[in-house]
N, C-alpha and C. Protein backbone atom coordinates (compact mmCIF):
# COMPACT_ATOMS: atom_id res chain seq x y z
N MET A 1 128.77 69.62 176.97
CA MET A 1 127.14 69.26 177.39
C MET A 1 126.39 68.33 176.49
N ILE A 2 126.96 68.34 175.47
CA ILE A 2 126.58 67.52 174.63
C ILE A 2 126.13 65.97 174.64
N PHE A 3 126.74 65.76 175.22
CA PHE A 3 126.82 64.20 175.90
C PHE A 3 125.34 64.39 176.42
N LYS A 4 125.15 65.09 177.46
CA LYS A 4 123.88 64.73 178.46
C LYS A 4 123.09 64.75 177.13
N ASN A 5 122.61 66.06 176.35
CA ASN A 5 121.62 65.63 175.55
C ASN A 5 121.48 64.93 174.94
N GLN A 6 122.57 64.16 174.23
CA GLN A 6 122.31 62.53 173.44
C GLN A 6 122.23 61.47 174.43
N LYS A 7 122.54 61.41 175.47
CA LYS A 7 122.33 60.33 176.72
C LYS A 7 120.79 60.54 176.57
N LEU A 8 120.34 61.66 176.81
CA LEU A 8 118.74 62.20 177.18
C LEU A 8 117.93 61.71 176.26
N LYS A 9 118.33 61.72 175.20
CA LYS A 9 117.73 61.26 173.80
C LYS A 9 117.79 59.96 173.81
N ALA A 10 118.87 59.23 174.00
CA ALA A 10 119.36 57.68 173.82
C ALA A 10 118.31 56.94 174.72
N ALA A 11 118.24 57.67 176.02
CA ALA A 11 117.02 56.96 176.97
C ALA A 11 116.23 57.16 176.91
N ALA A 12 115.10 58.43 176.35
CA ALA A 12 114.15 58.34 175.79
C ALA A 12 113.56 57.46 174.43
N VAL A 13 114.84 57.19 173.62
CA VAL A 13 114.42 56.70 172.16
C VAL A 13 113.96 54.98 173.19
N LEU A 14 114.93 54.58 173.76
CA LEU A 14 115.24 53.18 174.49
C LEU A 14 113.89 52.85 175.07
N PHE A 15 113.33 53.90 176.09
CA PHE A 15 112.35 53.77 176.95
C PHE A 15 111.19 53.75 176.24
N THR A 16 110.84 54.44 174.76
CA THR A 16 109.57 54.65 174.47
C THR A 16 109.81 52.99 173.53
N ALA A 17 111.02 52.67 172.99
CA ALA A 17 110.70 51.36 172.46
C ALA A 17 110.44 49.89 173.01
N VAL A 18 110.96 50.26 174.48
CA VAL A 18 111.06 49.10 175.65
C VAL A 18 109.38 49.30 176.03
N VAL A 19 108.69 50.86 175.79
CA VAL A 19 107.31 50.68 176.44
C VAL A 19 106.14 49.92 175.10
N LEU A 20 106.33 50.53 174.06
CA LEU A 20 106.17 49.61 172.69
C LEU A 20 106.30 48.45 172.43
N ILE A 21 107.08 47.91 173.10
CA ILE A 21 107.43 46.21 172.90
C ILE A 21 106.51 45.79 173.73
N ILE A 22 106.73 46.51 174.91
CA ILE A 22 105.53 45.48 176.34
C ILE A 22 104.13 46.01 175.62
N ILE A 23 103.57 46.68 175.29
CA ILE A 23 102.24 46.85 174.40
C ILE A 23 102.27 46.00 173.39
N LEU A 24 102.95 45.99 172.47
CA LEU A 24 102.87 44.93 171.29
C LEU A 24 102.85 43.82 171.93
N TYR A 25 103.59 43.36 172.81
CA TYR A 25 103.75 42.28 172.87
C TYR A 25 102.79 41.69 174.03
N THR A 26 102.02 42.44 174.74
CA THR A 26 100.69 42.01 175.58
C THR A 26 99.48 41.91 174.76
N LEU A 27 99.25 43.21 174.19
CA LEU A 27 97.97 43.34 173.51
C LEU A 27 98.22 43.17 172.06
N ASN A 28 97.56 42.26 171.77
CA ASN A 28 97.34 41.46 170.69
C ASN A 28 96.24 42.49 169.41
N PRO A 29 96.87 43.31 168.67
CA PRO A 29 96.13 43.98 167.68
C PRO A 29 94.67 43.48 167.00
N THR A 30 94.73 41.73 167.04
CA THR A 30 93.62 41.52 166.67
C THR A 30 92.37 41.49 167.24
N GLU A 31 93.03 41.50 168.43
CA GLU A 31 91.95 41.38 169.32
C GLU A 31 91.45 43.01 170.06
N TYR A 32 92.36 43.79 170.12
CA TYR A 32 92.26 45.25 170.93
C TYR A 32 92.53 46.25 169.30
N LYS A 33 91.51 47.42 169.92
CA LYS A 33 91.06 48.19 168.77
C LYS A 33 91.88 49.20 169.31
N TYR A 34 92.79 49.47 170.31
CA TYR A 34 93.34 50.56 170.37
C TYR A 34 94.90 51.50 169.37
N TYR A 35 94.92 49.88 168.23
CA TYR A 35 96.16 50.55 167.91
C TYR A 35 95.49 51.60 166.26
N PRO A 36 96.07 52.73 166.10
CA PRO A 36 95.93 53.35 165.10
C PRO A 36 95.45 52.76 163.66
N PRO A 37 94.57 53.20 162.75
CA PRO A 37 93.85 52.49 161.60
C PRO A 37 94.96 53.19 160.43
N CYS A 38 94.80 52.12 159.33
CA CYS A 38 95.94 52.74 158.38
C CYS A 38 94.50 53.68 157.69
N TYR A 39 94.96 54.93 157.29
CA TYR A 39 93.92 55.84 156.97
C TYR A 39 93.94 54.99 155.41
N PHE A 40 94.93 55.09 154.89
CA PHE A 40 95.17 54.84 153.40
C PHE A 40 94.35 53.68 152.87
N LYS A 41 94.17 52.98 153.65
CA LYS A 41 93.25 51.57 153.76
C LYS A 41 91.81 52.15 153.73
N GLU A 42 91.88 53.07 154.32
CA GLU A 42 90.37 53.11 154.99
C GLU A 42 89.98 54.03 153.59
N ILE A 43 90.73 55.14 153.06
CA ILE A 43 90.13 55.85 151.81
C ILE A 43 90.20 54.91 150.67
N THR A 44 91.32 54.50 150.52
CA THR A 44 91.04 53.71 149.16
C THR A 44 90.63 51.74 148.98
N GLY A 45 90.79 51.62 150.14
CA GLY A 45 90.80 50.42 150.13
C GLY A 45 91.68 49.42 149.91
N TYR A 46 92.69 49.71 149.86
CA TYR A 46 93.94 49.46 149.06
C TYR A 46 94.84 49.11 150.41
N LEU A 47 95.78 47.98 150.72
CA LEU A 47 96.90 47.67 151.72
C LEU A 47 98.24 48.81 151.19
N CYS A 48 98.80 49.37 152.22
CA CYS A 48 99.76 50.39 152.07
C CYS A 48 100.87 49.37 152.56
N PRO A 49 102.25 49.96 152.01
CA PRO A 49 103.37 48.74 152.46
C PRO A 49 103.59 48.35 154.13
N GLY A 50 102.97 49.35 154.71
CA GLY A 50 103.02 49.02 156.67
C GLY A 50 102.10 48.17 156.81
N CYS A 51 100.81 48.05 155.84
CA CYS A 51 99.69 47.66 156.78
C CYS A 51 100.09 45.88 156.93
N GLY A 52 99.62 45.71 158.23
CA GLY A 52 100.00 44.55 158.54
C GLY A 52 101.08 44.74 159.84
N GLY A 53 101.71 45.69 159.77
CA GLY A 53 103.15 46.11 160.42
C GLY A 53 102.81 45.86 162.18
N ILE A 54 101.84 46.13 162.64
CA ILE A 54 101.89 46.23 164.04
C ILE A 54 101.25 44.55 164.28
N ARG A 55 100.91 44.07 163.20
CA ARG A 55 100.42 42.95 163.91
C ARG A 55 101.49 41.82 163.68
N ALA A 56 102.46 42.01 162.32
CA ALA A 56 103.56 41.20 162.40
C ALA A 56 104.91 41.77 163.32
N THR A 57 104.96 42.80 163.99
CA THR A 57 105.81 42.66 165.42
C THR A 57 105.25 42.21 166.39
N HIS A 58 104.20 42.09 166.66
CA HIS A 58 103.00 41.39 167.82
C HIS A 58 103.48 40.04 167.58
N LEU A 59 103.28 39.57 166.14
CA LEU A 59 103.73 37.98 165.97
C LEU A 59 105.21 37.74 166.12
N LEU A 60 105.81 38.66 165.75
CA LEU A 60 107.83 38.47 165.67
C LEU A 60 107.85 38.42 167.32
N LEU A 61 107.39 39.38 168.31
CA LEU A 61 107.75 39.09 169.76
C LEU A 61 107.28 37.61 170.19
N ARG A 62 105.76 37.40 169.76
CA ARG A 62 105.86 36.17 170.28
C ARG A 62 106.32 34.64 169.66
N GLY A 63 107.10 35.07 168.77
CA GLY A 63 108.15 34.02 168.18
C GLY A 63 107.38 33.68 166.80
N GLN A 64 106.39 34.05 166.18
CA GLN A 64 105.52 33.28 165.03
C GLN A 64 105.90 33.73 163.71
N ILE A 65 107.23 33.54 163.75
CA ILE A 65 107.87 33.87 162.50
C ILE A 65 106.93 33.98 161.25
N ILE A 66 106.50 33.05 160.50
CA ILE A 66 105.87 32.54 159.61
C ILE A 66 104.58 33.22 159.76
N GLU A 67 104.17 33.39 160.50
CA GLU A 67 102.78 34.11 160.32
C GLU A 67 103.17 35.76 160.46
N ALA A 68 104.05 36.18 160.81
CA ALA A 68 105.00 37.70 160.89
C ALA A 68 105.21 37.69 159.64
N ILE A 69 106.02 36.89 158.62
CA ILE A 69 105.78 37.24 157.58
C ILE A 69 104.87 37.09 156.32
N LYS A 70 103.74 36.55 156.78
CA LYS A 70 102.68 37.08 156.19
C LYS A 70 101.63 37.60 156.49
N SER A 71 101.73 38.65 157.34
CA SER A 71 101.16 40.28 157.75
C SER A 71 101.86 40.92 157.23
N ASN A 72 103.11 40.95 157.06
CA ASN A 72 104.02 42.07 156.43
C ASN A 72 105.60 41.59 156.08
N LEU A 73 105.97 41.31 155.49
CA LEU A 73 107.09 40.92 154.88
C LEU A 73 108.36 41.97 155.43
N LEU A 74 107.90 43.34 154.98
CA LEU A 74 109.05 44.33 155.00
C LEU A 74 108.85 44.84 156.31
N ILE A 75 108.22 44.41 157.29
CA ILE A 75 108.31 45.09 158.60
C ILE A 75 109.26 43.60 159.24
N VAL A 76 109.49 42.32 159.00
CA VAL A 76 110.54 41.60 159.21
C VAL A 76 111.64 41.92 158.50
N LEU A 77 111.70 42.32 157.66
CA LEU A 77 113.07 42.79 156.91
C LEU A 77 113.76 44.04 157.63
N PHE A 78 112.38 44.89 158.30
CA PHE A 78 113.64 45.76 158.57
C PHE A 78 113.95 45.60 160.28
N ILE A 79 113.43 44.74 160.66
CA ILE A 79 113.57 44.37 162.50
C ILE A 79 115.12 44.48 162.58
N PRO A 80 116.42 43.68 161.47
CA PRO A 80 117.51 44.11 161.61
C PRO A 80 118.09 45.27 162.15
N ILE A 81 117.61 46.49 161.05
CA ILE A 81 117.92 47.76 160.92
C ILE A 81 117.53 48.38 162.15
N ILE A 82 116.23 48.01 162.62
CA ILE A 82 115.67 48.30 163.96
C ILE A 82 116.35 48.46 165.00
N SER A 83 116.98 46.96 165.03
CA SER A 83 118.04 46.68 166.30
C SER A 83 119.16 46.97 166.47
N TYR A 84 119.69 47.21 165.24
CA TYR A 84 121.42 47.74 165.01
C TYR A 84 121.01 49.51 165.57
N TYR A 85 119.75 49.90 165.07
CA TYR A 85 119.79 51.43 166.12
C TYR A 85 119.63 51.27 167.10
N LEU A 86 118.90 50.40 168.01
CA LEU A 86 118.86 50.27 169.63
C LEU A 86 119.52 49.65 170.14
N ILE A 87 120.56 48.63 169.46
CA ILE A 87 121.80 48.19 170.23
C ILE A 87 122.97 49.15 170.20
N SER A 88 122.85 50.65 169.00
CA SER A 88 123.99 51.39 169.28
C SER A 88 123.29 52.40 170.41
N GLU A 89 121.79 52.48 170.46
CA GLU A 89 121.89 53.75 171.71
C GLU A 89 122.16 53.31 173.05
N ILE A 90 121.95 51.68 173.23
CA ILE A 90 122.07 51.34 174.41
C ILE A 90 123.74 51.19 174.80
N ILE A 91 124.62 50.77 173.79
CA ILE A 91 126.14 50.71 173.76
C ILE A 91 126.53 52.31 174.24
N PHE A 92 125.79 53.11 173.51
CA PHE A 92 126.16 54.77 174.27
C PHE A 92 125.87 54.73 175.08
N LEU A 93 124.57 54.39 175.73
CA LEU A 93 123.95 54.90 177.17
C LEU A 93 125.44 54.16 178.20
N LEU A 94 125.63 52.72 177.89
CA LEU A 94 126.50 52.53 178.99
C LEU A 94 127.89 52.35 178.89
N PHE A 95 128.34 52.72 177.26
CA PHE A 95 129.53 52.99 177.37
C PHE A 95 130.10 54.33 176.51
N ASN A 96 129.25 54.83 176.27
CA ASN A 96 130.01 56.53 175.41
C ASN A 96 130.08 56.37 174.45
N LYS A 97 130.07 55.18 173.65
CA LYS A 97 130.26 54.87 172.15
C LYS A 97 129.33 54.49 171.34
N LYS A 98 129.34 55.21 169.78
CA LYS A 98 128.58 54.87 168.97
C LYS A 98 128.97 53.76 168.37
N LEU A 99 127.86 52.84 167.64
CA LEU A 99 128.24 52.08 166.29
C LEU A 99 128.37 53.03 165.28
N PRO A 100 128.96 52.61 164.37
CA PRO A 100 128.61 53.72 163.01
C PRO A 100 127.46 53.19 162.65
N PRO A 101 127.07 54.37 162.12
CA PRO A 101 125.71 54.64 161.99
C PRO A 101 125.30 53.85 160.37
N PHE A 102 124.21 53.54 160.04
CA PHE A 102 123.74 52.96 159.13
C PHE A 102 123.61 54.01 158.07
N ASN A 103 124.65 54.05 156.80
CA ASN A 103 124.05 54.77 155.87
C ASN A 103 124.48 54.05 154.35
N PRO A 104 123.45 53.45 154.13
CA PRO A 104 123.67 52.28 152.86
C PRO A 104 123.89 53.25 151.72
N PRO A 105 124.87 52.69 150.81
CA PRO A 105 125.11 53.83 149.87
C PRO A 105 123.61 54.00 148.66
N LEU A 106 123.52 55.34 148.02
CA LEU A 106 122.28 55.87 147.21
C LEU A 106 121.73 54.59 146.61
N PHE A 107 122.61 53.52 145.72
CA PHE A 107 122.05 52.71 144.89
C PHE A 107 121.07 51.88 145.59
N VAL A 108 121.80 51.06 146.92
CA VAL A 108 121.13 50.68 147.90
C VAL A 108 119.63 51.20 148.08
N VAL A 109 119.72 52.21 148.84
CA VAL A 109 118.29 53.24 149.05
C VAL A 109 117.45 53.23 148.01
N ILE A 110 117.87 53.36 146.41
CA ILE A 110 117.05 53.45 145.60
C ILE A 110 116.48 51.94 145.14
N ILE A 111 117.09 50.59 145.31
CA ILE A 111 116.40 49.58 145.54
C ILE A 111 115.57 49.20 146.52
N PHE A 112 115.70 49.93 147.83
CA PHE A 112 114.86 49.43 148.95
C PHE A 112 113.72 50.30 148.30
N ILE A 113 113.92 51.44 147.84
CA ILE A 113 112.26 52.00 147.90
C ILE A 113 111.64 51.62 146.37
N VAL A 114 112.52 50.89 145.27
CA VAL A 114 111.62 50.19 144.43
C VAL A 114 111.18 48.70 144.86
N VAL A 115 111.82 47.83 145.47
CA VAL A 115 111.23 46.93 146.41
C VAL A 115 110.17 47.14 147.43
N ILE A 116 109.88 48.64 147.99
CA ILE A 116 108.96 48.91 148.56
C ILE A 116 107.46 49.22 147.85
N ILE A 117 107.94 50.04 146.42
CA ILE A 117 106.78 50.65 145.71
C ILE A 117 106.24 48.89 144.94
N CYS A 118 107.24 48.07 144.74
CA CYS A 118 106.88 46.87 144.42
C CYS A 118 105.74 45.77 145.06
N TYR A 119 106.29 45.83 146.18
CA TYR A 119 105.82 44.95 147.60
C TYR A 119 104.23 45.75 147.30
N TRP A 120 104.36 47.18 147.51
CA TRP A 120 103.04 47.64 147.33
C TRP A 120 101.90 47.40 146.67
N ILE A 121 102.44 47.37 145.28
CA ILE A 121 101.55 47.15 144.33
C ILE A 121 101.49 45.48 144.46
N PHE A 122 102.27 44.58 144.50
CA PHE A 122 101.89 43.43 144.33
C PHE A 122 101.14 42.55 145.41
N ARG A 123 101.18 43.30 146.69
CA ARG A 123 100.15 42.83 147.91
C ARG A 123 98.47 43.17 147.85
N ASN A 124 98.48 43.85 146.80
CA ASN A 124 97.16 44.59 146.53
C ASN A 124 96.54 43.86 145.10
N ILE A 125 97.37 43.18 144.39
CA ILE A 125 97.05 41.98 143.51
C ILE A 125 96.32 40.91 143.84
N ASN A 126 95.03 40.89 143.57
CA ASN A 126 94.37 39.51 143.96
C ASN A 126 95.06 38.21 142.85
N ILE A 127 96.02 37.76 143.03
CA ILE A 127 96.29 36.85 141.98
C ILE A 127 95.68 35.25 142.41
């Protein structure tokens, strides 16, 4: 019965993703105040690596790629990884097969962490 629990999890993940996509597509984060604030920015006044991520996702869903990149480049770069995971869940639900998990080597993870930290620093420097 492991498959039943895994299928339930996959269905829940996909349902949540669809609901969030509909909300983000429909409700512009710059017009509606339903979205959670960034507490890091509220406390420090600085942008975190995720600041602008909701706006960027909304813009991507609307096909405004350049504006999405301006809102948050990292979120735009994360989309292929998130898409791979969601596609894997869809394939599992439909065909009982999973795509290979995304397990990058340690040096790639370290490079990615360094990129996030550099992005965090540089986006807060007013040049």
